[in-house]
Amino acid sequence: MRTWDDYKTHVKGIDEKSKKEMEEIEELASIVCAIIDKRNEMGLSQRDLAELCGIPQSSVARIETFKTTPNVDTLIKIMQPLGLKLTVSVA
């Protein structure tokens, strides 16, 4: 395997459980990357964002480094001050 995409394809081909787990990781990564990109675009530090959201800066850091998976209400608290919306669509 030479690239991350090669690895993801390999893992998804192992079995259904591995495929599902990799797809969940990809979905969470896209949400977190959108948050980080927008925060940086707005010139906000993690501390600034945390103050706007009313959550600890350490929580923002843990989410951004994938050390924790946020629940939906926390995601919404973080996304609102950034002007982002969480939407659900049928796959």
Protein backbone atom coordinates (compact mmCIF):
# COMPACT_ATOMS: atom_id res chain seq x y z
CA MET A 1 0.00 0.00 0.00
CA ARG A 2 1.36 3.32 -1.02
CA THR A 3 -1.25 5.87 -0.04
CA TRP A 4 -3.86 6.51 2.62
CA ASP A 5 -6.57 5.87 0.02
CA ASP A 6 -4.97 2.48 -0.76
CA TYR A 7 -5.06 1.63 2.94
CA LYS A 8 -8.70 2.71 3.31
CA THR A 9 -9.66 0.58 0.30
CA HIS A 10 -7.79 -2.38 1.79
CA VAL A 11 -9.49 -2.03 5.19
CA LYS A 12 -12.93 -1.69 3.61
CA GLY A 13 -12.30 -4.93 1.72
CA ILE A 14 -11.50 -6.99 4.81
CA ASP A 15 -15.07 -7.47 6.01
CA GLU A 16 -18.30 -5.57 6.60
CA LYS A 17 -17.38 -4.56 10.14
CA SER A 18 -14.07 -3.06 9.00
CA LYS A 19 -15.81 -1.30 6.12
CA LYS A 20 -18.39 0.23 8.46
CA GLU A 21 -15.74 1.37 10.95
CA MET A 22 -13.63 2.99 8.21
CA GLU A 23 -16.68 4.79 6.80
CA GLU A 24 -17.52 6.11 10.29
CA ILE A 25 -13.95 7.37 10.67
CA GLU A 26 -14.13 9.09 7.28
CA GLU A 27 -17.41 10.80 8.15
CA LEU A 28 -16.15 12.05 11.50
CA ALA A 29 -12.91 13.22 9.88
CA SER A 30 -14.79 15.28 7.32
CA ILE A 31 -16.81 17.00 10.06
CA VAL A 32 -13.78 17.72 12.23
CA CYS A 33 -11.75 18.96 9.25
CA ALA A 34 -14.57 21.36 8.33
CA ILE A 35 -14.54 22.71 11.89
CA ILE A 36 -10.76 23.16 11.92
CA ASP A 37 -10.73 24.77 8.47
CA LYS A 38 -13.49 27.23 9.36
CA ARG A 39 -11.95 28.05 12.75
CA ASN A 40 -8.62 28.81 11.08
CA GLU A 41 -10.31 30.77 8.29
CA MET A 42 -11.99 32.95 10.93
CA GLY A 43 -8.67 33.44 12.75
CA LEU A 44 -9.93 31.81 15.94
CA SER A 45 -7.79 29.84 18.36
CA GLN A 46 -9.14 26.76 20.06
CA ARG A 47 -9.52 28.87 23.19
CA ASP A 48 -11.50 31.52 21.30
CA LEU A 49 -13.83 28.89 19.87
CA ALA A 50 -14.26 27.23 23.25
CA GLU A 51 -15.29 30.55 24.82
CA LEU A 52 -17.83 31.16 22.04
CA CYS A 53 -19.26 27.67 22.58
CA GLY A 54 -19.20 27.60 26.36
CA ILE A 55 -17.07 24.46 26.50
CA PRO A 56 -13.52 23.90 27.78
CA GLN A 57 -10.63 24.50 25.36
CA SER A 58 -9.39 21.01 26.19
CA SER A 59 -12.63 19.60 24.74
CA VAL A 60 -12.05 21.42 21.46
CA ALA A 61 -8.47 20.11 21.39
CA ARG A 62 -9.54 16.51 22.07
CA ILE A 63 -12.16 16.68 19.31
CA GLU A 64 -9.74 18.23 16.81
CA THR A 65 -7.11 15.55 17.51
CA PHE A 66 -9.66 12.70 17.39
CA LYS A 67 -8.98 11.75 20.99
CA THR A 68 -12.71 11.87 21.66
CA THR A 69 -15.85 11.57 19.60
CA PRO A 70 -18.23 14.43 20.32
CA ASN A 71 -21.94 13.88 20.78
CA VAL A 72 -24.36 15.73 18.53
CA ASP A 73 -25.17 18.52 20.99
CA THR A 74 -21.46 19.32 21.39
CA LEU A 75 -20.99 19.34 17.61
CA ILE A 76 -23.86 21.78 17.25
CA LYS A 77 -22.43 24.04 19.99
CA ILE A 78 -19.12 24.13 18.12
CA MET A 79 -20.53 24.52 14.63
CA GLN A 80 -23.02 27.35 15.30
CA PRO A 81 -20.48 30.11 16.08
CA LEU A 82 -18.54 29.04 12.97
CA GLY A 83 -21.60 29.41 10.77
CA LEU A 84 -21.61 25.68 9.99
CA LYS A 85 -24.66 23.42 9.98
CA LEU A 86 -24.85 19.71 10.60
CA THR A 87 -27.08 18.13 7.98
CA VAL A 88 -28.26 14.59 7.47
CA SER A 89 -28.81 13.05 4.06
CA VAL A 90 -29.79 9.66 2.76
CA ALA A 91 -26.80 7.75 1.48
